[in-house]
N, C-alpha and C. Protein backbone atom coordinates (compact mmCIF):
# COMPACT_ATOMS: atom_id res chain seq x y z
N UNK A 1 -20.32 16.69 -32.82
CA UNK A 1 -19.97 16.31 -31.47
C UNK A 1 -18.46 16.43 -31.28
N UNK A 2 -18.05 17.05 -30.19
CA UNK A 2 -16.64 17.29 -29.94
C UNK A 2 -16.04 16.08 -29.24
N UNK A 3 -14.91 15.64 -29.76
CA UNK A 3 -14.21 14.51 -29.15
C UNK A 3 -13.48 14.98 -27.89
N UNK A 4 -13.63 14.26 -26.75
CA UNK A 4 -12.94 14.69 -25.53
C UNK A 4 -11.41 14.62 -25.68
N UNK A 5 -10.74 15.57 -25.06
CA UNK A 5 -9.28 15.61 -25.13
C UNK A 5 -8.68 14.52 -24.24
N UNK A 6 -7.39 14.31 -24.39
CA UNK A 6 -6.68 13.33 -23.57
C UNK A 6 -6.80 13.71 -22.10
N UNK A 7 -6.67 15.00 -21.83
CA UNK A 7 -6.78 15.48 -20.44
C UNK A 7 -8.16 15.17 -19.87
N UNK A 8 -9.20 15.41 -20.65
CA UNK A 8 -10.57 15.13 -20.18
C UNK A 8 -10.78 13.64 -19.93
N UNK A 9 -10.25 12.80 -20.81
CA UNK A 9 -10.40 11.36 -20.64
C UNK A 9 -9.64 10.86 -19.41
N UNK A 10 -8.43 11.40 -19.18
CA UNK A 10 -7.65 11.01 -18.00
C UNK A 10 -8.35 11.51 -16.74
N UNK A 11 -8.86 12.72 -16.77
CA UNK A 11 -9.56 13.28 -15.61
C UNK A 11 -10.79 12.44 -15.26
N UNK A 12 -11.53 12.01 -16.25
CA UNK A 12 -12.70 11.17 -16.02
C UNK A 12 -12.28 9.82 -15.45
N UNK A 13 -11.20 9.27 -15.95
CA UNK A 13 -10.69 7.99 -15.47
C UNK A 13 -10.24 8.10 -14.01
N UNK A 14 -9.59 9.20 -13.65
CA UNK A 14 -9.13 9.42 -12.28
C UNK A 14 -10.31 9.56 -11.32
N UNK A 15 -11.31 10.33 -11.72
CA UNK A 15 -12.45 10.53 -10.83
C UNK A 15 -13.26 9.25 -10.66
N UNK A 16 -13.26 8.36 -11.64
CA UNK A 16 -14.00 7.11 -11.54
C UNK A 16 -13.23 6.03 -10.79
N UNK A 17 -11.93 6.23 -10.63
CA UNK A 17 -11.08 5.22 -10.01
C UNK A 17 -11.19 5.24 -8.48
N UNK A 18 -11.13 4.06 -7.88
CA UNK A 18 -11.11 3.96 -6.42
C UNK A 18 -9.71 4.23 -5.88
N UNK A 19 -8.71 4.02 -6.72
CA UNK A 19 -7.32 4.24 -6.31
C UNK A 19 -7.06 5.73 -6.15
N UNK A 20 -6.16 6.07 -5.26
CA UNK A 20 -5.78 7.47 -5.07
C UNK A 20 -4.37 7.74 -5.57
N UNK A 21 -3.61 6.67 -5.88
CA UNK A 21 -2.24 6.80 -6.37
C UNK A 21 -2.20 6.34 -7.82
N UNK A 22 -1.53 7.13 -8.65
CA UNK A 22 -1.45 6.81 -10.08
C UNK A 22 -0.01 6.93 -10.54
N UNK A 23 0.37 6.07 -11.47
CA UNK A 23 1.66 6.19 -12.13
C UNK A 23 1.37 6.42 -13.61
N UNK A 24 2.32 7.00 -14.29
CA UNK A 24 2.12 7.36 -15.68
C UNK A 24 1.72 6.16 -16.53
N UNK A 25 2.27 4.99 -16.22
CA UNK A 25 1.95 3.81 -17.03
C UNK A 25 0.50 3.35 -16.86
N UNK A 26 -0.22 3.87 -15.85
CA UNK A 26 -1.66 3.57 -15.74
C UNK A 26 -2.43 4.10 -16.94
N UNK A 27 -1.88 5.12 -17.61
CA UNK A 27 -2.58 5.75 -18.71
C UNK A 27 -1.95 5.47 -20.08
N UNK A 28 -0.83 4.74 -20.11
CA UNK A 28 -0.13 4.51 -21.37
C UNK A 28 -0.16 3.05 -21.80
N UNK A 29 -0.26 2.12 -20.88
CA UNK A 29 -0.12 0.70 -21.18
C UNK A 29 -1.11 0.17 -22.20
N UNK A 30 -1.04 -1.15 -22.46
CA UNK A 30 -1.92 -1.75 -23.47
C UNK A 30 -3.40 -1.71 -23.10
N UNK A 31 -3.71 -1.69 -21.80
CA UNK A 31 -5.11 -1.64 -21.37
C UNK A 31 -5.70 -0.24 -21.54
N UNK A 32 -4.93 0.77 -21.23
CA UNK A 32 -5.42 2.14 -21.31
C UNK A 32 -4.48 2.97 -22.17
N UNK A 33 -4.82 3.13 -23.39
CA UNK A 33 -4.00 3.90 -24.31
C UNK A 33 -4.65 5.25 -24.54
N UNK A 34 -4.26 6.25 -23.73
CA UNK A 34 -4.82 7.58 -23.87
C UNK A 34 -4.03 8.42 -24.87
N UNK A 35 -2.79 8.07 -25.07
CA UNK A 35 -1.94 8.83 -25.98
C UNK A 35 -0.51 8.41 -25.80
N UNK A 36 0.38 9.16 -26.41
CA UNK A 36 1.80 8.86 -26.31
C UNK A 36 2.32 9.26 -24.93
N UNK A 37 3.56 8.89 -24.66
CA UNK A 37 4.20 9.21 -23.39
C UNK A 37 4.18 10.71 -23.14
N UNK A 38 4.56 11.50 -24.13
CA UNK A 38 4.64 12.95 -23.94
C UNK A 38 3.24 13.58 -23.86
N UNK A 39 2.28 13.07 -24.62
CA UNK A 39 0.91 13.60 -24.55
C UNK A 39 0.31 13.38 -23.17
N UNK A 40 0.49 12.17 -22.65
CA UNK A 40 -0.03 11.86 -21.31
C UNK A 40 0.69 12.72 -20.27
N UNK A 41 2.00 12.90 -20.43
CA UNK A 41 2.77 13.74 -19.51
C UNK A 41 2.26 15.17 -19.48
N UNK A 42 1.95 15.73 -20.65
CA UNK A 42 1.40 17.10 -20.70
C UNK A 42 0.03 17.18 -20.04
N UNK A 43 -0.80 16.16 -20.29
CA UNK A 43 -2.14 16.14 -19.68
C UNK A 43 -2.04 16.04 -18.16
N UNK A 44 -1.14 15.20 -17.67
CA UNK A 44 -0.95 15.08 -16.22
C UNK A 44 -0.44 16.38 -15.61
N UNK A 45 0.45 17.07 -16.32
CA UNK A 45 0.96 18.35 -15.84
C UNK A 45 -0.16 19.38 -15.75
N UNK A 46 -1.07 19.38 -16.73
CA UNK A 46 -2.22 20.29 -16.69
C UNK A 46 -3.14 19.96 -15.51
N UNK A 47 -3.31 18.67 -15.23
CA UNK A 47 -4.16 18.26 -14.11
C UNK A 47 -3.53 18.65 -12.77
N UNK A 48 -2.20 18.64 -12.70
CA UNK A 48 -1.51 19.12 -11.50
C UNK A 48 -1.74 20.62 -11.35
N UNK A 49 -1.67 21.36 -12.44
CA UNK A 49 -1.90 22.81 -12.39
C UNK A 49 -3.34 23.15 -12.02
N UNK A 50 -4.29 22.26 -12.36
CA UNK A 50 -5.70 22.47 -12.02
C UNK A 50 -6.05 21.95 -10.62
N UNK A 51 -5.07 21.40 -9.90
CA UNK A 51 -5.24 20.88 -8.53
C UNK A 51 -6.12 19.64 -8.48
N UNK A 52 -6.14 18.88 -9.57
CA UNK A 52 -6.83 17.58 -9.57
C UNK A 52 -5.89 16.52 -9.01
N UNK A 53 -4.60 16.67 -9.35
CA UNK A 53 -3.56 15.75 -8.90
C UNK A 53 -2.44 16.51 -8.22
N UNK A 54 -1.65 15.78 -7.43
CA UNK A 54 -0.44 16.31 -6.82
C UNK A 54 0.69 15.40 -7.26
N UNK A 55 1.79 15.98 -7.72
CA UNK A 55 2.94 15.18 -8.14
C UNK A 55 3.79 14.88 -6.92
N UNK A 56 4.09 13.58 -6.70
CA UNK A 56 4.84 13.15 -5.52
C UNK A 56 6.26 12.69 -5.85
N UNK A 57 6.53 12.45 -7.10
CA UNK A 57 7.84 11.98 -7.52
C UNK A 57 7.81 11.73 -9.01
N UNK A 58 8.86 11.15 -9.54
CA UNK A 58 8.96 10.92 -10.97
C UNK A 58 7.87 9.94 -11.42
N UNK A 59 6.88 10.44 -12.13
CA UNK A 59 5.81 9.60 -12.65
C UNK A 59 4.80 9.14 -11.62
N UNK A 60 4.79 9.73 -10.43
CA UNK A 60 3.88 9.34 -9.36
C UNK A 60 2.96 10.52 -9.04
N UNK A 61 1.65 10.25 -9.12
CA UNK A 61 0.65 11.28 -8.88
C UNK A 61 -0.37 10.77 -7.88
N UNK A 62 -0.94 11.69 -7.08
CA UNK A 62 -1.94 11.35 -6.07
C UNK A 62 -3.11 12.31 -6.23
N UNK A 63 -4.32 11.79 -5.99
CA UNK A 63 -5.49 12.66 -6.01
C UNK A 63 -5.28 13.77 -4.99
N UNK A 64 -5.68 14.97 -5.35
CA UNK A 64 -5.47 16.13 -4.49
C UNK A 64 -6.75 16.53 -3.77
N UNK A 65 -6.57 17.18 -2.65
CA UNK A 65 -7.66 17.87 -1.96
C UNK A 65 -7.13 19.24 -1.57
N UNK A 66 -8.02 20.16 -1.30
CA UNK A 66 -7.61 21.52 -0.96
C UNK A 66 -7.44 21.63 0.56
N UNK A 67 -6.31 22.16 0.98
CA UNK A 67 -6.02 22.34 2.40
C UNK A 67 -6.93 23.43 2.98
N UNK A 68 -7.49 23.14 4.15
CA UNK A 68 -8.34 24.15 4.81
C UNK A 68 -7.49 25.26 5.42
N UNK A 69 -6.21 24.99 5.65
CA UNK A 69 -5.33 26.00 6.25
C UNK A 69 -4.76 26.97 5.22
N UNK A 70 -4.22 26.42 4.14
CA UNK A 70 -3.54 27.27 3.17
C UNK A 70 -4.33 27.51 1.88
N UNK A 71 -5.29 26.64 1.59
CA UNK A 71 -6.03 26.75 0.34
C UNK A 71 -5.29 26.16 -0.84
N UNK A 72 -4.14 25.55 -0.60
CA UNK A 72 -3.35 24.92 -1.66
C UNK A 72 -3.69 23.44 -1.76
N UNK A 73 -3.45 22.84 -2.93
CA UNK A 73 -3.70 21.40 -3.06
C UNK A 73 -2.69 20.58 -2.26
N UNK A 74 -3.18 19.53 -1.60
CA UNK A 74 -2.34 18.62 -0.83
C UNK A 74 -2.76 17.19 -1.18
N UNK A 75 -1.90 16.19 -0.91
CA UNK A 75 -2.29 14.80 -1.17
C UNK A 75 -3.50 14.41 -0.31
N UNK A 76 -4.36 13.58 -0.87
CA UNK A 76 -5.58 13.20 -0.15
C UNK A 76 -5.34 12.06 0.84
N UNK A 77 -4.16 11.43 0.81
CA UNK A 77 -3.83 10.38 1.77
C UNK A 77 -2.42 10.61 2.32
N UNK A 78 -2.10 9.91 3.40
CA UNK A 78 -0.82 10.06 4.11
C UNK A 78 0.34 9.51 3.26
N UNK A 79 1.52 10.05 3.48
CA UNK A 79 2.71 9.66 2.72
C UNK A 79 3.01 8.17 2.80
N UNK A 80 2.85 7.57 3.98
CA UNK A 80 3.10 6.13 4.13
C UNK A 80 2.12 5.32 3.28
N UNK A 81 0.86 5.72 3.27
CA UNK A 81 -0.14 5.01 2.48
C UNK A 81 0.14 5.17 0.98
N UNK A 82 0.63 6.33 0.59
CA UNK A 82 1.02 6.54 -0.81
C UNK A 82 2.10 5.55 -1.19
N UNK A 83 3.12 5.41 -0.33
CA UNK A 83 4.21 4.48 -0.60
C UNK A 83 3.73 3.04 -0.70
N UNK A 84 2.83 2.64 0.20
CA UNK A 84 2.32 1.26 0.18
C UNK A 84 1.51 0.99 -1.09
N UNK A 85 0.67 1.94 -1.48
CA UNK A 85 -0.12 1.75 -2.70
C UNK A 85 0.77 1.76 -3.95
N UNK A 86 1.79 2.59 -3.94
CA UNK A 86 2.71 2.64 -5.07
C UNK A 86 3.46 1.32 -5.21
N UNK A 87 3.95 0.79 -4.10
CA UNK A 87 4.67 -0.49 -4.16
C UNK A 87 3.76 -1.62 -4.66
N UNK A 88 2.51 -1.58 -4.28
CA UNK A 88 1.56 -2.59 -4.75
C UNK A 88 1.40 -2.48 -6.27
N UNK A 89 1.31 -1.25 -6.79
CA UNK A 89 1.20 -1.05 -8.24
C UNK A 89 2.45 -1.51 -8.97
N UNK A 90 3.61 -1.35 -8.32
CA UNK A 90 4.87 -1.74 -8.96
C UNK A 90 5.18 -3.23 -8.76
N UNK A 91 4.35 -3.92 -8.00
CA UNK A 91 4.54 -5.35 -7.77
C UNK A 91 5.63 -5.68 -6.77
N UNK A 92 5.85 -4.78 -5.81
CA UNK A 92 6.88 -4.98 -4.80
C UNK A 92 6.20 -5.19 -3.45
N UNK A 93 6.61 -6.23 -2.74
CA UNK A 93 6.04 -6.50 -1.42
C UNK A 93 6.48 -5.41 -0.45
N UNK A 94 5.52 -4.85 0.29
CA UNK A 94 5.84 -3.76 1.21
C UNK A 94 4.90 -3.79 2.41
N UNK A 95 5.37 -3.22 3.50
CA UNK A 95 4.58 -3.06 4.72
C UNK A 95 5.09 -1.80 5.42
N UNK A 96 4.39 -1.37 6.45
CA UNK A 96 4.88 -0.23 7.20
C UNK A 96 6.21 -0.59 7.85
N UNK A 97 6.96 0.40 8.28
CA UNK A 97 8.27 0.18 8.87
C UNK A 97 8.22 -0.59 10.18
N UNK A 98 9.39 -1.02 10.63
CA UNK A 98 9.52 -1.87 11.81
C UNK A 98 8.86 -1.25 13.05
N UNK A 99 9.16 0.00 13.36
CA UNK A 99 8.64 0.61 14.57
C UNK A 99 7.14 0.88 14.48
N UNK A 100 6.64 1.19 13.29
CA UNK A 100 5.20 1.37 13.12
C UNK A 100 4.48 0.03 13.27
N UNK A 101 5.11 -1.06 12.82
CA UNK A 101 4.53 -2.40 13.01
C UNK A 101 4.45 -2.73 14.49
N UNK A 102 5.51 -2.41 15.23
CA UNK A 102 5.49 -2.65 16.68
C UNK A 102 4.33 -1.89 17.34
N UNK A 103 4.13 -0.64 16.95
CA UNK A 103 3.05 0.16 17.49
C UNK A 103 1.69 -0.41 17.06
N UNK A 104 1.56 -0.78 15.80
CA UNK A 104 0.31 -1.33 15.27
C UNK A 104 -0.07 -2.63 15.97
N UNK A 105 0.93 -3.47 16.26
CA UNK A 105 0.68 -4.78 16.86
C UNK A 105 0.58 -4.72 18.38
N UNK A 106 0.68 -3.52 18.97
CA UNK A 106 0.53 -3.37 20.41
C UNK A 106 1.76 -3.72 21.21
N UNK A 107 2.93 -3.83 20.58
CA UNK A 107 4.16 -4.18 21.28
C UNK A 107 4.93 -2.95 21.73
N UNK A 108 4.46 -1.77 21.34
CA UNK A 108 5.10 -0.53 21.73
C UNK A 108 4.04 0.56 21.79
N UNK A 109 4.24 1.52 22.67
CA UNK A 109 3.31 2.64 22.76
C UNK A 109 3.87 3.88 22.08
N UNK A 110 5.11 3.80 21.62
CA UNK A 110 5.71 4.94 20.95
C UNK A 110 5.21 5.04 19.52
N UNK A 111 4.91 6.25 19.10
CA UNK A 111 4.43 6.49 17.74
C UNK A 111 5.59 7.05 16.92
N UNK A 112 5.99 6.34 15.85
CA UNK A 112 7.12 6.82 15.04
C UNK A 112 6.79 8.14 14.34
N UNK A 113 7.79 9.00 14.22
CA UNK A 113 7.59 10.30 13.60
C UNK A 113 7.90 10.29 12.11
N UNK A 114 8.77 9.40 11.67
CA UNK A 114 9.18 9.37 10.27
C UNK A 114 8.30 8.43 9.47
N UNK A 115 8.17 8.71 8.19
CA UNK A 115 7.40 7.88 7.28
C UNK A 115 8.34 6.84 6.67
N UNK A 116 8.21 5.60 7.15
CA UNK A 116 9.10 4.52 6.72
C UNK A 116 8.24 3.35 6.26
N UNK A 117 8.64 2.76 5.12
CA UNK A 117 8.02 1.52 4.70
C UNK A 117 9.12 0.49 4.47
N UNK A 118 8.78 -0.76 4.75
CA UNK A 118 9.71 -1.86 4.54
C UNK A 118 9.39 -2.47 3.17
N UNK A 119 10.42 -2.65 2.35
CA UNK A 119 10.24 -3.18 1.00
C UNK A 119 11.08 -4.43 0.81
N UNK A 120 10.63 -5.31 -0.09
CA UNK A 120 11.29 -6.59 -0.30
C UNK A 120 12.53 -6.50 -1.16
N UNK A 121 12.68 -5.43 -1.93
CA UNK A 121 13.90 -5.26 -2.73
C UNK A 121 14.27 -3.78 -2.78
N UNK A 122 15.51 -3.48 -3.10
CA UNK A 122 15.98 -2.09 -3.07
C UNK A 122 15.18 -1.18 -4.02
N UNK A 123 14.90 0.02 -3.56
CA UNK A 123 14.14 1.02 -4.32
C UNK A 123 14.97 2.30 -4.39
N UNK A 124 15.01 2.92 -5.56
CA UNK A 124 15.70 4.20 -5.69
C UNK A 124 14.73 5.35 -5.92
N UNK A 125 13.47 5.05 -6.15
CA UNK A 125 12.45 6.05 -6.41
C UNK A 125 12.21 6.91 -5.17
N UNK A 126 12.25 8.23 -5.33
CA UNK A 126 12.02 9.14 -4.20
C UNK A 126 10.57 9.62 -4.24
N UNK A 127 9.93 9.50 -3.09
CA UNK A 127 8.57 9.98 -2.93
C UNK A 127 8.62 11.05 -1.85
N UNK A 128 8.20 12.26 -2.19
CA UNK A 128 8.26 13.33 -1.20
C UNK A 128 7.14 14.33 -1.41
N UNK A 129 6.80 14.99 -0.30
CA UNK A 129 5.84 16.08 -0.33
C UNK A 129 6.41 17.18 0.56
N UNK A 130 6.76 18.29 -0.03
CA UNK A 130 7.38 19.38 0.72
C UNK A 130 8.71 18.93 1.28
N UNK A 131 8.86 19.01 2.60
CA UNK A 131 10.11 18.60 3.25
C UNK A 131 10.07 17.16 3.73
N UNK A 132 8.92 16.50 3.64
CA UNK A 132 8.80 15.12 4.10
C UNK A 132 9.11 14.16 2.96
N UNK A 133 9.96 13.19 3.25
CA UNK A 133 10.34 12.19 2.25
C UNK A 133 10.12 10.80 2.82
N UNK A 134 9.66 9.90 1.98
CA UNK A 134 9.44 8.53 2.37
C UNK A 134 10.78 7.80 2.45
N UNK A 135 10.98 7.04 3.53
CA UNK A 135 12.22 6.31 3.75
C UNK A 135 11.93 4.82 3.57
N UNK A 136 12.85 4.11 2.94
CA UNK A 136 12.70 2.67 2.72
C UNK A 136 13.65 1.91 3.63
N UNK A 137 13.18 0.78 4.15
CA UNK A 137 14.04 -0.12 4.91
C UNK A 137 13.85 -1.53 4.37
N UNK A 138 14.80 -2.40 4.68
CA UNK A 138 14.73 -3.77 4.21
C UNK A 138 13.58 -4.50 4.92
N UNK A 139 12.84 -5.28 4.16
CA UNK A 139 11.68 -6.00 4.68
C UNK A 139 12.12 -7.28 5.37
N UNK A 140 11.71 -7.44 6.63
CA UNK A 140 11.98 -8.66 7.38
C UNK A 140 10.65 -9.30 7.72
N UNK A 141 10.52 -10.60 7.46
CA UNK A 141 9.29 -11.32 7.78
C UNK A 141 9.07 -11.37 9.28
N UNK A 142 10.09 -11.75 10.02
CA UNK A 142 10.00 -11.88 11.48
C UNK A 142 10.62 -10.66 12.13
N UNK A 143 10.01 -10.17 13.16
CA UNK A 143 10.61 -9.09 13.95
C UNK A 143 10.41 -9.41 15.35
């Protein structure tokens, strides 16, 4: 019987997961030890090449789907949702940006064009897809 490779085990774990956003430590930590840091990195790179995942930033991966327009892999969820799920995984309080909250709560009819999330502490991690980049703003409880 052939033992499954690290890539196969990670791929099975991704397909079984309800989450669409993954960080490298999801596969390295004490709960899920698939291999060393570099082994997991190589497996994730192969999964990106196979269009199972899309790389969004340093150590941030999202489940991919195939674009009906170009035939290329694209993220399966919106950039703002990726940022919110990532912040939840990192243990940082986050919500959509100020203007999107106004629109969501019915206080404005304008729809914001930029992808902004409000975070409780400063973030330096860049999340981007193509030319679109996620913007962070300071989190305010009251607006």
